[in-house]
Amino acid sequence: MSEADRDRSGVGDGPLHGPRVVLVLSENWTLTPPRDLTALVDIAVEAEAAGVDTVMLSEHVVLGPSAGAAGRMENPRDYAAPGNQDPATPWPDSVVLAAAIAAATSRIRIALAAIIAPLRHPLLLAKQLGTLDLLARGRLIVQPTVSWAEDEYRALGVPFRHRGAILDEQLVAMHEAWTSSPASYQGVHFRFADVWVEPKPYRPEGPRMWFGGQTLHEALVRRIVRYGHGFHPFGSPTEEELHRLEAAMREAGRDPAELELVGGIRGVFATPEAIADLDQALEAVPGLVERGFTSICFKPSMYTDDRGQVPELCRRVVERMRGAA
């Protein structure tokens, strides 16, 4: 794909007409039956036709009793967050689902935001993500995270308290696997030598990467500066955090403007049974744009219980984002 074709397809890295629109495709279990994964693929196709730039998937491999330790969300249409979920919450495998979306679409970006990297060996993850990026012809975005569910780590035999160090090793190891043949790595948690991980991803350096978290801690800053193409915080970062990240980017010789800043709108629910008002949620867009956010997320099931209304809802959001330019 030429650079011109990439720009026309929406695979380029900057916003085209105002902030990019990111549709949260996970967590729509009040809108589509949890076992009807084809419905999620269909929504991605409809979102692409409506001008949405990105669909976003998140994941858990398993959940345990602590998933709801902070109390269940009052309205099931709200965002899932650490400790507010029923352990039976349906989280389909994001890599498999993303592959189906990649096959059914041609322009829309597919963000695995987030994928819990420490639960996998870096060579296996590098193989899966490289193959997926090749299928999607460079439309893949990966947000590696350590997540929060200790039960999940315990079930898979991964040391929870070392998850940050494990992720840091994985980032180095995956970059080596994507860019070298043969690849070798010697770390505390992972070691391999003289292995070929083929085929390579669509982009020579590997898929585009976002990073995020509840706070902008030092390890997160290092990951963004070294590997990141986007910052996708959980919640709203402070101005001090944004200035600190910008300074770190400049110090490393990177232009902060090349970093995609991902925010979102959130519905307000009058009652635990109510849907939110989309127009009210969209009132936050100008303020987000003014703060420098270049991609803005929304979740369809916050604003409708009718699956058939999703295409029109997507068009309304896209139109508002274009107006915010």
Protein backbone atom coordinates (compact mmCIF):
# COMPACT_ATOMS: atom_id res chain seq x y z
CA MET A 1 0.00 0.00 0.00
CA SER A 2 1.43 3.37 -1.02
CA GLU A 3 1.51 6.32 1.37
CA ALA A 4 -1.26 7.94 -0.65
CA ASP A 5 -3.39 4.82 -0.46
CA ARG A 6 -2.68 4.53 3.26
CA ASP A 7 -3.90 8.07 3.85
CA ARG A 8 -7.06 7.45 1.80
CA SER A 9 -7.77 4.24 3.66
CA GLY A 10 -7.56 5.87 7.06
CA VAL A 11 -4.49 3.88 8.09
CA GLY A 12 -2.42 7.06 8.40
CA ASP A 13 -1.53 8.27 11.86
CA GLY A 14 -3.04 11.75 12.11
CA PRO A 15 -6.65 12.92 12.32
CA LEU A 16 -8.18 13.65 8.91
CA HIS A 17 -11.22 15.85 9.70
CA GLY A 18 -11.22 16.66 13.39
CA PRO A 19 -10.54 14.13 16.13
CA ARG A 20 -10.69 10.46 15.23
CA VAL A 21 -13.80 8.59 16.36
CA VAL A 22 -13.13 5.41 18.34
CA LEU A 23 -16.03 3.01 18.86
CA VAL A 24 -15.67 0.84 21.97
CA LEU A 25 -16.74 -2.55 20.69
CA SER A 26 -16.21 -4.56 23.87
CA GLU A 27 -18.70 -4.26 26.73
CA ASN A 28 -21.82 -3.88 24.56
CA TRP A 29 -23.53 -6.82 26.25
CA THR A 30 -26.77 -4.84 26.82
CA LEU A 31 -26.94 -4.22 23.06
CA THR A 32 -25.96 -7.59 21.57
CA PRO A 33 -26.25 -11.12 22.99
CA PRO A 34 -22.94 -12.08 24.66
CA ARG A 35 -22.52 -15.18 22.47
CA ASP A 36 -23.35 -13.40 19.21
CA LEU A 37 -19.85 -12.35 18.22
CA THR A 38 -20.90 -11.96 14.59
CA ALA A 39 -22.99 -8.98 15.74
CA LEU A 40 -19.81 -7.26 16.93
CA VAL A 41 -18.15 -7.86 13.56
CA ASP A 42 -21.26 -6.44 11.87
CA ILE A 43 -21.10 -3.34 14.07
CA ALA A 44 -17.48 -2.83 13.03
CA VAL A 45 -18.53 -3.01 9.36
CA GLU A 46 -21.32 -0.50 9.98
CA ALA A 47 -18.99 1.79 11.89
CA GLU A 48 -16.53 1.77 9.00
CA ALA A 49 -19.32 2.70 6.57
CA ALA A 50 -20.38 5.56 8.86
CA GLY A 51 -16.89 7.08 8.91
CA VAL A 52 -15.70 5.85 12.31
CA ASP A 53 -11.90 5.68 12.38
CA THR A 54 -11.24 2.93 14.95
CA VAL A 55 -12.96 0.08 16.75
CA MET A 56 -11.54 -0.83 20.13
CA LEU A 57 -11.47 -4.19 21.90
CA SER A 58 -10.38 -4.97 25.43
CA GLU A 59 -10.06 -8.27 27.24
CA HIS A 60 -9.82 -10.52 30.22
CA VAL A 61 -8.77 -14.13 29.82
CA VAL A 62 -10.55 -15.16 33.02
CA LEU A 63 -12.15 -13.33 35.94
CA GLY A 64 -12.30 -14.39 39.57
CA PRO A 65 -14.29 -13.37 42.66
CA SER A 66 -12.41 -10.08 43.06
CA ALA A 67 -13.76 -8.80 39.73
CA GLY A 68 -16.65 -7.18 41.59
CA ALA A 69 -14.87 -6.37 44.84
CA ALA A 70 -15.43 -2.61 44.47
CA GLY A 71 -19.17 -3.06 43.88
CA ARG A 72 -20.98 -3.78 40.64
CA MET A 73 -21.71 -0.93 38.24
CA GLU A 74 -25.18 0.53 38.88
CA ASN A 75 -26.09 0.63 35.21
CA PRO A 76 -24.86 -2.28 33.05
CA ARG A 77 -24.45 0.13 30.12
CA ASP A 78 -21.63 1.94 31.93
CA TYR A 79 -17.93 1.27 31.40
CA ALA A 80 -16.36 -1.78 32.99
CA ALA A 81 -13.65 -0.74 35.43
CA PRO A 82 -11.30 -2.43 37.93
CA GLY A 83 -13.38 -4.22 40.53
CA ASN A 84 -16.88 -3.32 39.26
CA GLN A 85 -17.70 -6.40 37.18
CA ASP A 86 -19.63 -9.61 37.54
CA PRO A 87 -17.06 -12.45 37.19
CA ALA A 88 -19.36 -13.90 34.50
CA THR A 89 -18.88 -10.80 32.31
CA PRO A 90 -18.32 -11.96 28.71
CA TRP A 91 -14.90 -11.01 27.33
CA PRO A 92 -14.29 -12.81 24.00
CA ASP A 93 -10.72 -13.39 22.87
CA SER A 94 -9.72 -10.04 21.42
CA VAL A 95 -7.09 -11.36 18.99
CA VAL A 96 -9.50 -13.85 17.43
CA LEU A 97 -12.30 -11.28 17.23
CA ALA A 98 -9.93 -8.69 15.74
CA ALA A 99 -8.94 -11.15 13.02
CA ALA A 100 -12.60 -11.56 12.03
CA ILE A 101 -13.01 -7.76 11.94
CA ALA A 102 -9.87 -7.36 9.86
CA ALA A 103 -11.24 -9.83 7.31
CA ALA A 104 -14.60 -8.05 7.09
CA THR A 105 -13.29 -4.46 6.81
CA SER A 106 -10.73 -2.56 4.77
CA ARG A 107 -10.21 0.91 6.26
CA ILE A 108 -11.08 1.05 9.94
CA ARG A 109 -8.30 0.69 12.50
CA ILE A 110 -8.55 -2.11 15.06
CA ALA A 111 -7.25 -1.28 18.54
CA LEU A 112 -6.53 -4.00 21.06
CA ALA A 113 -6.83 -1.58 23.95
CA ALA A 114 -5.95 -3.17 26.13
CA ILE A 115 -4.33 -6.57 25.82
CA ILE A 116 -2.94 -8.10 29.03
CA ALA A 117 0.53 -8.89 27.74
CA PRO A 118 2.13 -10.57 30.81
CA LEU A 119 -0.37 -13.43 30.56
CA ARG A 120 1.38 -14.59 27.36
CA HIS A 121 4.91 -15.49 26.33
CA PRO A 122 6.36 -12.62 24.26
CA LEU A 123 7.22 -14.86 21.30
CA LEU A 124 3.66 -16.19 21.14
CA LEU A 125 2.26 -12.68 21.46
CA ALA A 126 4.67 -11.34 18.84
CA LYS A 127 3.56 -14.09 16.46
CA GLN A 128 -0.16 -13.44 17.05
CA LEU A 129 0.09 -9.66 16.77
CA GLY A 130 2.43 -9.77 13.78
CA THR A 131 0.08 -12.09 11.91
CA LEU A 132 -2.94 -9.95 12.82
CA ASP A 133 -1.18 -6.75 11.72
CA LEU A 134 -0.35 -8.37 8.40
CA LEU A 135 -3.97 -9.48 7.91
CA ALA A 136 -5.14 -5.95 8.73
CA ARG A 137 -2.52 -4.37 6.44
CA GLY A 138 -1.18 -2.09 9.14
CA ARG A 139 -4.52 -1.16 10.69
CA LEU A 140 -3.69 -2.79 14.03
CA ILE A 141 -3.08 -0.81 17.22
CA VAL A 142 -1.87 -2.64 20.32
CA GLN A 143 -2.11 -1.33 23.88
CA PRO A 144 -0.12 -3.69 26.10
CA THR A 145 -1.16 -3.44 29.73
CA VAL A 146 -0.58 -5.20 33.05
CA SER A 147 -4.25 -4.88 34.16
CA TRP A 148 -5.50 -5.19 37.75
CA ALA A 149 -7.07 -8.63 38.39
CA GLU A 150 -4.80 -10.67 40.65
CA ASP A 151 -7.17 -13.65 40.39
CA GLU A 152 -6.51 -13.73 36.64
CA TYR A 153 -2.75 -13.88 37.10
CA ARG A 154 -3.03 -16.55 39.78
CA ALA A 155 -5.19 -18.76 37.55
CA LEU A 156 -2.66 -18.54 34.71
CA GLY A 157 0.38 -19.03 36.91
CA VAL A 158 1.93 -15.60 36.30
CA PRO A 159 3.40 -13.64 39.26
CA PHE A 160 1.11 -10.64 39.72
CA ARG A 161 3.63 -8.50 41.60
CA HIS A 162 6.18 -8.80 38.79
CA ARG A 163 3.76 -7.88 36.01
CA GLY A 164 5.35 -4.49 35.29
CA ALA A 165 8.84 -5.95 34.96
CA ILE A 166 7.45 -8.75 32.81
CA LEU A 167 5.82 -6.24 30.45
CA ASP A 168 9.03 -4.24 30.13
CA GLU A 169 10.91 -7.39 29.09
CA GLN A 170 8.13 -8.34 26.69
CA LEU A 171 8.32 -5.00 24.88
CA VAL A 172 12.02 -5.46 24.24
CA ALA A 173 11.60 -9.12 23.27
CA MET A 174 8.70 -8.47 20.87
CA HIS A 175 10.54 -5.61 19.20
CA GLU A 176 13.50 -7.93 18.70
CA ALA A 177 11.23 -10.66 17.29
CA TRP A 178 9.58 -8.23 14.87
CA THR A 179 12.74 -6.55 13.63
CA SER A 180 15.46 -9.21 13.66
CA SER A 181 15.98 -12.61 12.02
CA PRO A 182 17.21 -14.52 13.87
CA ALA A 183 16.10 -12.91 17.12
CA SER A 184 17.66 -13.33 20.55
CA TYR A 185 16.86 -11.99 24.01
CA GLN A 186 18.27 -12.61 27.48
CA GLY A 187 16.24 -11.32 30.41
CA VAL A 188 15.15 -12.31 33.89
CA HIS A 189 11.74 -13.64 32.88
CA PHE A 190 12.33 -14.63 29.24
CA ARG A 191 15.28 -15.97 27.28
CA PHE A 192 15.58 -17.15 23.71
CA ALA A 193 18.29 -17.29 21.10
CA ASP A 194 18.50 -17.58 17.30
CA VAL A 195 14.79 -17.90 16.54
CA TRP A 196 12.91 -16.76 13.45
CA VAL A 197 9.45 -15.23 14.01
CA GLU A 198 7.88 -15.12 10.56
CA PRO A 199 6.06 -13.62 8.83
CA LYS A 200 6.92 -10.17 10.09
CA PRO A 201 4.21 -7.56 10.81
CA TYR A 202 2.92 -5.20 8.13
CA ARG A 203 5.04 -2.33 9.45
CA PRO A 204 8.79 -2.97 9.73
CA GLU A 205 8.90 -1.90 13.39
CA GLY A 206 5.73 -3.76 14.37
CA PRO A 207 2.15 -2.61 15.04
CA ARG A 208 1.35 0.86 16.27
CA MET A 209 1.20 0.95 20.08
CA TRP A 210 -0.82 2.88 22.64
CA PHE A 211 -0.11 2.88 26.35
CA GLY A 212 -2.30 3.92 29.25
CA GLY A 213 -3.02 3.61 32.93
CA GLN A 214 -4.79 5.18 35.87
CA THR A 215 -1.81 7.45 36.55
CA LEU A 216 1.15 8.57 34.45
CA HIS A 217 3.85 6.81 36.48
CA GLU A 218 7.50 6.78 35.45
CA ALA A 219 7.46 3.30 33.93
CA LEU A 220 4.51 4.32 31.76
CA VAL A 221 6.32 7.44 30.59
CA ARG A 222 9.33 5.33 29.60
CA ARG A 223 7.16 2.90 27.64
CA ILE A 224 5.37 5.68 25.78
CA VAL A 225 8.58 7.51 24.92
CA ARG A 226 10.33 4.36 23.72
CA TYR A 227 7.53 2.51 21.92
CA GLY A 228 4.35 4.59 21.97
CA HIS A 229 2.32 6.12 19.19
CA GLY A 230 -0.56 7.01 21.51
CA PHE A 231 -1.45 7.78 25.14
CA HIS A 232 -4.80 6.30 26.22
CA PRO A 233 -5.27 7.07 29.91
CA PHE A 234 -7.89 5.45 32.12
CA GLY A 235 -9.79 8.55 33.17
CA SER A 236 -8.69 12.13 32.59
CA PRO A 237 -4.98 12.97 32.92
CA THR A 238 -4.02 16.15 34.73
CA GLU A 239 -2.42 19.08 32.94
CA GLU A 240 0.74 18.40 34.94
CA GLU A 241 0.83 14.82 33.63
CA LEU A 242 0.36 15.95 30.04
CA HIS A 243 3.13 18.56 30.37
CA ARG A 244 5.43 15.96 31.94
CA LEU A 245 4.81 13.54 29.08
CA GLU A 246 5.41 16.26 26.50
CA ALA A 247 8.69 17.20 28.17
CA ALA A 248 9.82 13.55 28.23
CA MET A 249 9.02 13.18 24.52
CA ARG A 250 11.03 16.27 23.64
CA GLU A 251 13.94 15.18 25.81
CA ALA A 252 14.04 11.89 23.89
CA GLY A 253 14.08 13.76 20.58
CA ARG A 254 10.48 12.95 19.72
CA ASP A 255 7.85 15.44 18.62
CA PRO A 256 4.92 15.33 21.09
CA ALA A 257 2.58 16.14 18.20
CA GLU A 258 3.18 12.66 16.76
CA LEU A 259 1.56 11.09 19.83
CA GLU A 260 -2.14 10.28 19.52
CA LEU A 261 -3.96 11.45 22.66
CA VAL A 262 -7.02 9.29 23.29
CA GLY A 263 -9.94 10.49 25.41
CA GLY A 264 -13.62 9.73 25.54
CA ILE A 265 -17.17 10.82 26.20
CA ARG A 266 -19.27 9.19 28.89
CA GLY A 267 -23.01 9.00 29.25
CA VAL A 268 -24.91 10.13 32.34
CA PHE A 269 -27.58 7.70 33.51
CA ALA A 270 -30.63 9.15 35.25
CA THR A 271 -31.51 5.74 36.72
CA PRO A 272 -29.91 2.26 36.78
CA GLU A 273 -32.28 1.27 33.95
CA ALA A 274 -31.96 4.36 31.75
CA ILE A 275 -29.95 4.96 28.61
CA ALA A 276 -27.81 8.11 28.41
CA ASP A 277 -28.40 11.15 26.21
CA LEU A 278 -25.85 11.21 23.38
CA ASP A 279 -26.16 14.93 22.72
CA GLN A 280 -25.42 15.66 26.36
CA ALA A 281 -22.33 13.42 26.27
CA LEU A 282 -21.12 15.07 23.05
CA GLU A 283 -21.07 18.46 24.79
CA ALA A 284 -17.71 17.38 26.23
CA VAL A 285 -16.07 17.17 22.78
CA PRO A 286 -14.97 20.81 22.37
CA GLY A 287 -13.25 20.76 25.73
CA LEU A 288 -11.43 17.53 24.88
CA VAL A 289 -10.29 18.96 21.55
CA GLU A 290 -9.09 22.13 23.29
CA ARG A 291 -6.99 20.00 25.66
CA GLY A 292 -5.34 18.31 22.69
CA PHE A 293 -7.18 15.00 22.44
CA THR A 294 -6.94 13.71 18.87
CA SER A 295 -9.07 10.56 19.26
CA ILE A 296 -12.32 10.33 21.24
CA CYS A 297 -14.00 7.07 22.31
CA PHE A 298 -17.70 6.33 22.68
CA LYS A 299 -19.60 3.15 23.56
CA PRO A 300 -22.86 2.61 21.62
CA SER A 301 -24.70 0.69 24.34
CA MET A 302 -24.60 3.75 26.60
CA TYR A 303 -26.96 5.56 24.24
CA THR A 304 -29.28 2.92 22.80
CA ASP A 305 -30.72 -0.50 23.56
CA ASP A 306 -31.69 -0.93 19.90
CA ARG A 307 -29.07 -2.66 17.78
CA GLY A 308 -30.63 -1.18 14.65
CA GLN A 309 -29.89 2.38 15.80
CA VAL A 310 -26.11 1.90 15.91
CA PRO A 311 -25.33 3.05 12.32
CA GLU A 312 -27.21 6.32 12.80
CA LEU A 313 -25.63 6.81 16.21
CA CYS A 314 -22.19 6.39 14.60
CA ARG A 315 -23.04 8.95 11.94
CA ARG A 316 -24.12 11.46 14.59
CA VAL A 317 -20.87 11.06 16.50
CA VAL A 318 -18.75 11.35 13.35
CA GLU A 319 -20.59 14.50 12.29
CA ARG A 320 -20.07 16.09 15.70
CA MET A 321 -16.36 15.26 15.65
CA ARG A 322 -15.96 16.78 12.22
CA GLY A 323 -17.69 19.90 13.49
CA ALA A 324 -15.23 20.07 16.35
CA ALA A 325 -12.34 20.55 13.93
